C-alpha cells in the first residue's frame, strides 16, 4: 500500500491542488504506517531490566523500616563507612 501511495502521489509529475486533501489515501496510509510502527516497537519479551528493577525496589521498600528496627543504625553506618573506604 505504501509503494502504491508513493507511486500515485510522488511517482510522476502531477499538479496537486486543494482537492488532494479530500482523498482517503492520506488517512489510510497514515493509519497503516501507525500500525506498522507499533508492530516494530513490539518485543519478544514484554518486560525489560528497568521494569524488573522498579518492581524489585517496590517489593523491598516495605522491608526497610523492619531492617532498621532489627539492625542498629551505628552498625549500618560502620558497614557503609567500611565499604566506602
N, C-alpha and C. Protein backbone atom coordinates (compact mmCIF):
# COMPACT_ATOMS: atom_id res chain seq x y z
N UNK A 1 0.83 -1.19 0.00
CA UNK A 1 0.00 0.00 0.00
C UNK A 1 0.87 1.25 0.00
N UNK A 2 1.97 1.24 0.74
CA UNK A 2 2.85 2.40 0.79
C UNK A 2 3.49 2.70 -0.55
N UNK A 3 3.90 1.64 -1.26
CA UNK A 3 4.52 1.83 -2.57
C UNK A 3 3.49 2.36 -3.56
N UNK A 4 2.27 1.83 -3.50
CA UNK A 4 1.20 2.31 -4.38
C UNK A 4 0.90 3.77 -4.12
N UNK A 5 0.86 4.14 -2.85
CA UNK A 5 0.61 5.54 -2.48
C UNK A 5 1.71 6.44 -3.02
N UNK A 6 2.96 6.02 -2.83
CA UNK A 6 4.08 6.84 -3.31
C UNK A 6 4.08 6.96 -4.83
N UNK A 7 3.78 5.85 -5.51
CA UNK A 7 3.71 5.92 -6.97
C UNK A 7 2.60 6.86 -7.44
N UNK A 8 1.47 6.80 -6.76
CA UNK A 8 0.33 7.61 -7.16
C UNK A 8 0.58 9.10 -6.93
N UNK A 9 1.15 9.45 -5.78
CA UNK A 9 1.26 10.86 -5.42
C UNK A 9 2.63 11.47 -5.68
N UNK A 10 3.68 10.64 -5.66
CA UNK A 10 5.03 11.19 -5.82
C UNK A 10 5.77 10.65 -7.04
N UNK A 11 5.27 9.58 -7.64
CA UNK A 11 5.98 8.90 -8.71
C UNK A 11 6.08 9.68 -10.00
N UNK A 12 5.07 10.36 -10.37
CA UNK A 12 5.09 11.11 -11.62
C UNK A 12 4.80 12.58 -11.33
N UNK A 13 5.16 13.39 -12.24
CA UNK A 13 4.92 14.82 -12.06
C UNK A 13 3.43 15.06 -12.17
N UNK A 14 2.87 15.57 -11.13
CA UNK A 14 1.43 15.78 -11.09
C UNK A 14 1.17 17.06 -10.32
N UNK A 15 0.28 17.84 -10.81
CA UNK A 15 -0.08 19.08 -10.12
C UNK A 15 -1.10 18.73 -9.04
N UNK A 16 -0.77 19.07 -7.81
CA UNK A 16 -1.64 18.76 -6.67
C UNK A 16 -2.38 20.03 -6.28
N UNK A 17 -3.70 19.93 -6.16
CA UNK A 17 -4.49 21.08 -5.76
C UNK A 17 -5.15 20.80 -4.41
N UNK A 18 -6.07 21.65 -4.00
CA UNK A 18 -6.72 21.52 -2.69
C UNK A 18 -7.58 20.27 -2.58
N UNK A 19 -8.06 19.75 -3.67
CA UNK A 19 -8.91 18.55 -3.60
C UNK A 19 -8.11 17.31 -3.23
N UNK A 20 -6.80 17.37 -3.32
CA UNK A 20 -5.97 16.22 -2.95
C UNK A 20 -6.12 15.86 -1.48
N UNK A 21 -6.38 16.85 -0.65
CA UNK A 21 -6.52 16.58 0.79
C UNK A 21 -7.83 15.88 1.11
N UNK A 22 -8.77 15.88 0.19
CA UNK A 22 -10.05 15.22 0.40
C UNK A 22 -9.97 13.73 0.07
N UNK A 23 -8.90 13.29 -0.52
CA UNK A 23 -8.73 11.89 -0.89
C UNK A 23 -8.49 11.05 0.37
N UNK A 24 -9.07 9.85 0.43
CA UNK A 24 -8.86 8.98 1.60
C UNK A 24 -7.49 8.31 1.64
N UNK A 25 -6.70 8.49 0.61
CA UNK A 25 -5.39 7.84 0.55
C UNK A 25 -4.48 8.25 1.70
N UNK A 26 -4.49 9.52 2.04
CA UNK A 26 -3.60 10.02 3.09
C UNK A 26 -3.95 9.43 4.45
N UNK A 27 -5.24 9.39 4.75
CA UNK A 27 -5.68 8.85 6.04
C UNK A 27 -5.37 7.36 6.13
N UNK A 28 -5.65 6.63 5.07
CA UNK A 28 -5.39 5.19 5.07
C UNK A 28 -3.91 4.89 5.22
N UNK A 29 -3.09 5.63 4.52
CA UNK A 29 -1.65 5.41 4.59
C UNK A 29 -1.11 5.76 5.98
N UNK A 30 -1.60 6.83 6.57
CA UNK A 30 -1.17 7.20 7.92
C UNK A 30 -1.56 6.13 8.92
N UNK A 31 -2.78 5.60 8.80
CA UNK A 31 -3.22 4.53 9.70
C UNK A 31 -2.36 3.29 9.54
N UNK A 32 -2.07 2.94 8.30
CA UNK A 32 -1.25 1.76 8.05
C UNK A 32 0.15 1.92 8.62
N UNK A 33 0.77 3.06 8.41
CA UNK A 33 2.11 3.29 8.93
C UNK A 33 2.12 3.33 10.46
N UNK A 34 1.04 3.78 11.08
CA UNK A 34 0.95 3.77 12.55
C UNK A 34 0.92 2.34 13.07
N UNK A 35 0.16 1.49 12.41
CA UNK A 35 0.09 0.09 12.83
C UNK A 35 1.45 -0.58 12.65
N UNK A 36 2.10 -0.33 11.54
CA UNK A 36 3.41 -0.93 11.29
C UNK A 36 4.44 -0.43 12.31
N UNK A 37 4.39 0.84 12.65
CA UNK A 37 5.31 1.38 13.65
C UNK A 37 5.09 0.71 15.01
N UNK A 38 3.84 0.46 15.37
CA UNK A 38 3.56 -0.22 16.64
C UNK A 38 4.08 -1.65 16.62
N UNK A 39 3.98 -2.31 15.50
CA UNK A 39 4.47 -3.68 15.39
C UNK A 39 5.99 -3.71 15.54
N UNK A 40 6.68 -2.75 14.93
CA UNK A 40 8.14 -2.71 15.05
C UNK A 40 8.59 -2.42 16.48
N UNK A 41 7.75 -1.77 17.27
CA UNK A 41 8.12 -1.47 18.66
C UNK A 41 7.87 -2.63 19.60
N UNK A 42 7.19 -3.67 19.14
CA UNK A 42 6.91 -4.83 19.99
C UNK A 42 8.20 -5.59 20.27
N UNK A 43 8.24 -6.21 21.45
CA UNK A 43 9.41 -7.00 21.84
C UNK A 43 8.99 -8.45 22.06
N UNK A 44 9.95 -9.35 21.97
CA UNK A 44 9.66 -10.76 22.18
C UNK A 44 9.27 -11.02 23.64
N UNK A 45 9.99 -10.38 24.55
CA UNK A 45 9.68 -10.49 25.97
C UNK A 45 9.13 -9.13 26.41
N UNK A 46 7.93 -9.10 26.99
CA UNK A 46 7.29 -7.81 27.26
C UNK A 46 7.83 -7.04 28.45
N UNK A 47 8.89 -7.52 29.08
CA UNK A 47 9.47 -6.78 30.20
C UNK A 47 10.93 -6.46 29.88
N UNK A 48 11.44 -5.44 30.54
CA UNK A 48 12.84 -5.09 30.37
C UNK A 48 13.48 -4.94 31.75
N UNK A 49 14.76 -4.66 31.76
CA UNK A 49 15.52 -4.59 33.02
C UNK A 49 14.96 -3.48 33.92
N UNK A 50 14.61 -2.35 33.34
CA UNK A 50 14.10 -1.24 34.14
C UNK A 50 12.80 -1.62 34.86
N UNK A 51 11.94 -2.37 34.19
CA UNK A 51 10.70 -2.82 34.81
C UNK A 51 10.98 -3.77 35.98
N UNK A 52 11.93 -4.67 35.78
CA UNK A 52 12.28 -5.61 36.84
C UNK A 52 12.88 -4.86 38.04
N UNK A 53 13.73 -3.89 37.78
CA UNK A 53 14.31 -3.09 38.86
C UNK A 53 13.23 -2.34 39.63
N UNK A 54 12.29 -1.75 38.91
CA UNK A 54 11.22 -0.98 39.57
C UNK A 54 10.37 -1.88 40.45
N UNK A 55 10.01 -3.06 39.95
CA UNK A 55 9.20 -3.99 40.75
C UNK A 55 10.01 -4.48 41.95
N UNK A 56 11.30 -4.76 41.75
CA UNK A 56 12.15 -5.22 42.86
C UNK A 56 12.26 -4.18 43.96
N UNK A 57 12.45 -2.93 43.58
CA UNK A 57 12.53 -1.86 44.59
C UNK A 57 11.20 -1.71 45.31
N UNK A 58 10.11 -1.77 44.57
CA UNK A 58 8.78 -1.64 45.19
C UNK A 58 8.51 -2.79 46.15
N UNK A 59 9.04 -3.98 45.85
CA UNK A 59 8.84 -5.12 46.75
C UNK A 59 9.70 -5.01 48.00
N UNK A 60 10.91 -4.48 47.87
CA UNK A 60 11.83 -4.43 49.01
C UNK A 60 11.63 -3.20 49.89
N UNK A 61 11.04 -2.17 49.37
CA UNK A 61 10.88 -0.92 50.12
C UNK A 61 10.13 -1.08 51.45
N UNK A 62 9.08 -1.88 51.55
CA UNK A 62 8.41 -2.04 52.86
C UNK A 62 9.28 -2.71 53.92
N UNK A 63 10.35 -3.40 53.53
CA UNK A 63 11.19 -4.08 54.49
C UNK A 63 12.27 -3.17 55.09
N UNK A 64 12.46 -2.00 54.54
CA UNK A 64 13.49 -1.08 55.04
C UNK A 64 13.23 -0.69 56.50
N UNK A 65 12.01 -0.28 56.88
CA UNK A 65 11.81 0.06 58.31
C UNK A 65 12.04 -1.14 59.24
N UNK A 66 11.66 -2.32 58.80
CA UNK A 66 11.86 -3.52 59.63
C UNK A 66 13.36 -3.78 59.80
N UNK A 67 14.12 -3.65 58.73
CA UNK A 67 15.56 -3.86 58.82
C UNK A 67 16.20 -2.83 59.73
N UNK A 68 15.73 -1.58 59.68
CA UNK A 68 16.28 -0.55 60.55
C UNK A 68 15.94 -0.80 62.01
N UNK A 69 14.83 -1.46 62.28
CA UNK A 69 14.50 -1.79 63.66
C UNK A 69 15.34 -2.95 64.19
N UNK A 70 15.72 -3.87 63.33
CA UNK A 70 16.46 -5.05 63.75
C UNK A 70 17.95 -4.75 63.88
N UNK A 71 18.51 -4.03 62.92
CA UNK A 71 19.94 -3.75 62.90
C UNK A 71 20.17 -2.33 63.43
N UNK A 72 21.06 -2.17 64.39
CA UNK A 72 21.32 -0.83 64.93
C UNK A 72 21.90 0.11 63.86
N UNK A 73 21.57 1.39 63.95
CA UNK A 73 22.00 2.39 62.99
C UNK A 73 23.53 2.52 63.00
N UNK A 74 24.15 2.43 64.18
CA UNK A 74 25.61 2.54 64.28
C UNK A 74 26.30 1.44 63.47
N UNK A 75 25.74 0.24 63.51
CA UNK A 75 26.34 -0.87 62.76
C UNK A 75 26.18 -0.64 61.25
N UNK A 76 25.05 -0.11 60.83
CA UNK A 76 24.82 0.18 59.41
C UNK A 76 25.81 1.24 58.93
N UNK A 77 25.98 2.30 59.73
CA UNK A 77 26.90 3.36 59.34
C UNK A 77 28.35 2.85 59.30
N UNK A 78 28.72 1.99 60.24
CA UNK A 78 30.08 1.44 60.26
C UNK A 78 30.31 0.57 59.02
N UNK A 79 29.33 -0.22 58.64
CA UNK A 79 29.47 -1.04 57.44
C UNK A 79 29.55 -0.18 56.18
N UNK A 80 28.76 0.87 56.12
CA UNK A 80 28.81 1.78 54.97
C UNK A 80 30.17 2.47 54.87
N UNK A 81 30.70 2.88 56.03
CA UNK A 81 32.00 3.55 56.06
C UNK A 81 33.08 2.58 55.60
N UNK A 82 32.98 1.33 55.99
CA UNK A 82 33.97 0.33 55.57
C UNK A 82 33.88 0.07 54.07
N UNK A 83 32.67 0.09 53.54
CA UNK A 83 32.51 -0.13 52.10
C UNK A 83 33.05 1.03 51.28
N UNK A 84 32.88 2.24 51.78
CA UNK A 84 33.31 3.42 51.03
C UNK A 84 34.82 3.64 51.12
N UNK A 85 35.44 3.19 52.17
CA UNK A 85 36.90 3.38 52.33
C UNK A 85 37.62 2.21 51.84
